[in-house]
Amino acid sequence: MSDRPTSFSIKNWSQDDQPREKLRDKGRAVLSDAELVAILIGSGSKNESAVDLSKRILASVENNLNALGKLSIKQLMEFKGIGEAKAITIAASLELGRRRRLADSRVVDKIESSQSVYDLMLPILGELPHEEFWILYLNNSNKVIAKNQLSKGGITGTLVDVRLVLKKALEVGATALILCHNHPSGTLKPSNADKAITQKLKTAAISLDIKVLDHLIITEKAYLSFADDGIL
């Protein structure tokens, strides 16, 4: 008799424990997050089923799918039972989910409040593991006519080329700007650099009759508006 470990492939599970069949027969909504991840994994090990392995992975990120989506291939492979192929499958699936949310995000025709800015930029910035700084260009009707990434990986005053920001504003006919950047740490407290950049752009834009309407710090769950908090 072979000593080779028994495969815990989903096809060998009992009918009641097969998430693929459960999805087919009852619909995707009835499956737990762990069951959906188990379908991606396909099989566990001799001592752990795919569902149990999925539960362990999810528990490590406090059952937060957004946090799971931030794990690198290397981090996923640190779980016993997850090889490179399975890690890549998980990462690819979560990236598709992120892109779907981006595609399905509510189209903001007109900026009416800081909340509408947050709704527009959350799918772009909310889950990023690094900082990005974006400029929204608005026309007289407060409609967003262009979005532009200004920097990636961190924010300092030296990264802001005011001339390029204003050149873009003139090219698209913008009369107002809204600044946005994310804090992957989750903190909503503006740094001195955040405040300095805001004032630098606000001062420079005045000479062209372009207004800086707001600056939002965005996290996965909340945002801070400079305008709302009276620090613009």
Protein backbone atom coordinates (compact mmCIF):
# COMPACT_ATOMS: atom_id res chain seq x y z
CA MET A 1 0.00 0.00 0.00
CA SER A 2 1.38 3.41 -0.93
CA ASP A 3 2.39 5.84 1.83
CA ARG A 4 1.58 8.75 -0.45
CA PRO A 5 -0.67 11.29 1.38
CA THR A 6 -4.35 11.09 0.54
CA SER A 7 -5.52 13.88 -1.73
CA PHE A 8 -8.07 16.15 -0.14
CA SER A 9 -9.33 17.36 -3.49
CA ILE A 10 -12.82 18.83 -3.36
CA LYS A 11 -14.07 16.11 -5.71
CA ASN A 12 -13.32 13.53 -3.00
CA TRP A 13 -15.38 15.29 -0.34
CA SER A 14 -18.86 14.18 0.65
CA GLN A 15 -21.66 15.69 -1.40
CA ASP A 16 -22.74 18.01 1.43
CA ASP A 17 -19.20 19.37 1.81
CA GLN A 18 -18.50 20.20 -1.83
CA PRO A 19 -18.61 23.98 -2.28
CA ARG A 20 -18.48 23.72 -6.07
CA GLU A 21 -21.69 21.73 -6.13
CA LYS A 22 -23.18 23.95 -3.45
CA LEU A 23 -22.50 27.01 -5.62
CA ARG A 24 -23.94 25.27 -8.68
CA ASP A 25 -27.09 24.06 -6.91
CA LYS A 26 -27.80 26.87 -4.45
CA GLY A 27 -26.04 29.93 -5.89
CA ARG A 28 -22.84 31.75 -5.02
CA ALA A 29 -24.39 33.93 -2.31
CA VAL A 30 -24.90 31.01 0.10
CA LEU A 31 -21.21 30.12 0.25
CA SER A 32 -19.03 31.46 3.03
CA ASP A 33 -15.83 33.33 2.24
CA ALA A 34 -13.86 30.26 3.30
CA GLU A 35 -15.82 28.02 0.92
CA LEU A 36 -15.21 30.42 -1.97
CA VAL A 37 -11.48 30.53 -1.23
CA ALA A 38 -11.51 26.70 -0.92
CA ILE A 39 -12.81 26.48 -4.49
CA LEU A 40 -9.80 28.53 -5.58
CA ILE A 41 -7.40 26.36 -3.60
CA GLY A 42 -8.95 23.12 -4.81
CA SER A 43 -7.32 20.83 -2.25
CA GLY A 44 -5.89 20.84 1.22
CA SER A 45 -3.41 18.42 2.77
CA LYS A 46 -3.45 15.14 4.68
CA ASN A 47 -4.17 16.93 7.93
CA GLU A 48 -6.27 19.89 6.78
CA SER A 49 -9.12 20.32 4.33
CA ALA A 50 -9.19 23.15 1.83
CA VAL A 51 -11.98 24.85 3.80
CA ASP A 52 -10.02 24.63 7.06
CA LEU A 53 -6.93 25.98 5.32
CA SER A 54 -9.02 28.81 3.90
CA LYS A 55 -10.42 29.57 7.34
CA ARG A 56 -6.89 29.74 8.72
CA ILE A 57 -5.78 32.13 5.99
CA LEU A 58 -8.83 34.35 6.49
CA ALA A 59 -8.38 34.33 10.28
CA SER A 60 -4.86 35.72 9.81
CA VAL A 61 -6.36 38.86 8.27
CA GLU A 62 -9.31 38.98 10.70
CA ASN A 63 -11.65 37.71 7.95
CA ASN A 64 -11.17 40.93 6.00
CA LEU A 65 -11.16 40.29 2.25
CA ASN A 66 -9.62 43.69 1.58
CA ALA A 67 -6.70 42.77 3.81
CA LEU A 68 -6.45 39.37 2.12
CA GLY A 69 -6.19 41.11 -1.23
CA LYS A 70 -3.13 43.00 0.01
CA LEU A 71 -1.13 39.85 0.81
CA SER A 72 1.74 39.22 -1.58
CA ILE A 73 2.41 35.90 -3.30
CA LYS A 74 5.27 35.33 -0.86
CA GLN A 75 3.05 36.01 2.15
CA LEU A 76 0.38 33.63 0.90
CA MET A 77 2.99 30.91 0.38
CA GLU A 78 3.95 31.12 4.04
CA PHE A 79 0.78 29.13 4.82
CA LYS A 80 1.46 25.41 4.81
CA GLY A 81 -0.50 23.92 1.92
CA ILE A 82 -0.27 27.02 -0.29
CA GLY A 83 2.22 26.71 -3.12
CA GLU A 84 3.00 29.25 -5.79
CA ALA A 85 0.20 28.18 -8.12
CA LYS A 86 -2.46 28.42 -5.41
CA ALA A 87 -1.09 31.74 -4.17
CA ILE A 88 -1.23 33.17 -7.69
CA THR A 89 -4.80 31.90 -8.15
CA ILE A 90 -5.92 33.61 -4.93
CA ALA A 91 -4.15 36.85 -5.82
CA ALA A 92 -5.55 36.90 -9.35
CA SER A 93 -9.11 36.26 -8.15
CA LEU A 94 -8.98 39.06 -5.59
CA GLU A 95 -7.51 41.44 -8.14
CA LEU A 96 -10.41 40.67 -10.48
CA GLY A 97 -12.78 41.47 -7.61
CA ARG A 98 -11.00 44.77 -7.03
CA ARG A 99 -11.25 45.67 -10.73
CA ARG A 100 -14.92 44.73 -10.76
CA ARG A 101 -15.60 47.11 -7.88
CA LEU A 102 -13.72 49.80 -9.76
CA ALA A 103 -15.78 49.18 -12.91
CA ASP A 104 -19.02 49.09 -10.93
CA SER A 105 -18.27 52.14 -8.81
CA ARG A 106 -20.88 54.86 -8.98
CA VAL A 107 -20.21 57.36 -11.72
CA VAL A 108 -19.99 60.79 -10.18
CA ASP A 109 -21.22 63.34 -12.70
CA LYS A 110 -20.95 66.22 -10.30
CA ILE A 111 -19.04 66.75 -7.07
CA GLU A 112 -21.59 67.91 -4.53
CA SER A 113 -19.78 67.04 -1.30
CA SER A 114 -16.69 65.41 0.14
CA GLN A 115 -18.67 62.15 0.27
CA SER A 116 -19.03 62.16 -3.52
CA VAL A 117 -15.25 62.56 -3.86
CA TYR A 118 -14.76 59.63 -1.49
CA ASP A 119 -17.21 57.49 -3.47
CA LEU A 120 -15.29 58.27 -6.64
CA MET A 121 -11.78 57.66 -5.31
CA LEU A 122 -12.30 54.80 -2.84
CA PRO A 123 -12.15 52.08 -5.53
CA ILE A 124 -8.90 53.58 -6.81
CA LEU A 125 -7.11 54.29 -3.52
CA GLY A 126 -8.85 52.35 -0.76
CA GLU A 127 -6.94 49.07 -0.88
CA LEU A 128 -3.51 50.21 -2.02
CA PRO A 129 -0.55 49.11 0.18
CA HIS A 130 1.34 52.28 -0.79
CA GLU A 131 0.48 55.97 -0.93
CA GLU A 132 -0.69 57.66 -4.11
CA PHE A 133 -1.52 61.33 -4.66
CA TRP A 134 -4.20 62.28 -7.21
CA ILE A 135 -5.62 65.50 -8.57
CA LEU A 136 -9.24 65.85 -9.69
CA TYR A 137 -9.83 68.58 -12.27
CA LEU A 138 -13.30 70.17 -12.25
CA ASN A 139 -15.12 72.57 -14.54
CA ASN A 140 -17.49 75.41 -13.62
CA SER A 141 -20.28 72.92 -12.93
CA ASN A 142 -18.08 70.96 -10.49
CA LYS A 143 -18.02 68.05 -12.92
CA VAL A 144 -14.84 65.96 -12.92
CA ILE A 145 -13.29 66.39 -16.35
CA ALA A 146 -9.96 64.68 -15.61
CA LYS A 147 -8.17 62.61 -12.94
CA ASN A 148 -4.39 62.48 -12.73
CA GLN A 149 -1.98 60.56 -10.50
CA LEU A 150 0.64 63.00 -9.24
CA SER A 151 2.90 60.68 -7.25
CA LYS A 152 3.20 57.11 -6.04
CA GLY A 153 4.91 55.61 -3.00
CA GLY A 154 4.92 58.60 -0.68
CA ILE A 155 4.26 62.30 -0.45
CA THR A 156 6.72 65.11 0.10
CA GLY A 157 6.68 68.69 -1.06
CA THR A 158 9.52 67.96 -3.46
CA LEU A 159 7.33 65.52 -5.43
CA VAL A 160 4.80 68.17 -6.32
CA ASP A 161 5.53 69.93 -9.59
CA VAL A 162 3.09 72.82 -9.41
CA ARG A 163 3.77 73.78 -13.01
CA LEU A 164 2.67 70.37 -14.31
CA VAL A 165 -0.48 70.42 -12.16
CA LEU A 166 -1.49 73.83 -13.43
CA LYS A 167 -0.45 73.05 -17.02
CA LYS A 168 -2.85 70.10 -16.96
CA ALA A 169 -5.58 72.32 -15.49
CA LEU A 170 -5.22 74.79 -18.35
CA GLU A 171 -5.16 72.00 -20.95
CA VAL A 172 -8.47 70.53 -19.79
CA GLY A 173 -10.09 73.87 -18.97
CA ALA A 174 -10.39 73.22 -15.25
CA THR A 175 -11.52 75.97 -12.90
CA ALA A 176 -11.08 73.99 -9.68
CA LEU A 177 -8.94 71.23 -8.18
CA ILE A 178 -9.50 68.61 -5.51
CA LEU A 179 -6.48 66.84 -4.02
CA CYS A 180 -6.72 63.22 -2.86
CA HIS A 181 -4.31 60.76 -1.34
CA ASN A 182 -4.54 57.60 0.70
CA HIS A 183 -3.11 56.51 4.04
CA PRO A 184 -2.56 52.71 3.98
CA SER A 185 -1.95 52.82 7.74
CA GLY A 186 -5.59 53.79 8.26
CA THR A 187 -4.82 57.01 10.10
CA LEU A 188 -6.77 60.10 9.09
CA LYS A 189 -4.43 62.64 10.67
CA PRO A 190 -2.89 64.96 8.06
CA SER A 191 0.89 65.26 8.16
CA ASN A 192 2.83 68.49 7.89
CA ALA A 193 3.70 67.48 4.31
CA ASP A 194 -0.01 67.03 3.52
CA LYS A 195 -0.75 70.54 4.77
CA ALA A 196 2.27 72.04 2.99
CA ILE A 197 1.32 70.52 -0.37
CA THR A 198 -2.23 71.81 -0.03
CA GLN A 199 -1.10 75.36 0.67
CA LYS A 200 1.55 75.23 -2.08
CA LEU A 201 -1.01 74.29 -4.73
CA LYS A 202 -3.68 76.60 -3.35
CA THR A 203 -1.37 79.60 -3.46
CA ALA A 204 -0.05 78.81 -6.95
CA ALA A 205 -3.52 78.23 -8.42
CA ILE A 206 -4.86 81.61 -7.27
CA SER A 207 -2.87 83.46 -9.95
CA LEU A 208 -4.75 81.50 -12.64
CA ASP A 209 -8.16 81.92 -10.98
CA ILE A 210 -8.24 78.19 -10.19
CA LYS A 211 -9.57 77.16 -6.80
CA VAL A 212 -8.41 74.27 -4.63
CA LEU A 213 -11.76 73.12 -3.26
CA ASP A 214 -10.63 70.31 -0.96
CA HIS A 215 -8.01 67.76 -0.02
CA LEU A 216 -9.16 64.29 1.04
CA ILE A 217 -7.20 61.70 2.98
CA ILE A 218 -8.71 58.33 2.11
CA THR A 219 -8.61 54.97 3.91
CA GLU A 220 -10.57 51.77 3.35
CA LYS A 221 -13.27 52.72 5.84
CA ALA A 222 -13.30 56.49 6.17
CA TYR A 223 -11.94 59.81 4.97
CA LEU A 224 -10.89 63.22 6.19
CA SER A 225 -11.84 66.37 4.27
CA PHE A 226 -9.67 69.46 4.75
CA ALA A 227 -12.62 71.63 3.71
CA ASP A 228 -15.09 69.97 6.08
CA ASP A 229 -12.62 70.20 8.98
CA GLY A 230 -11.76 73.84 8.30
CA ILE A 231 -8.06 73.26 7.62
CA LEU A 232 -8.07 74.15 3.93
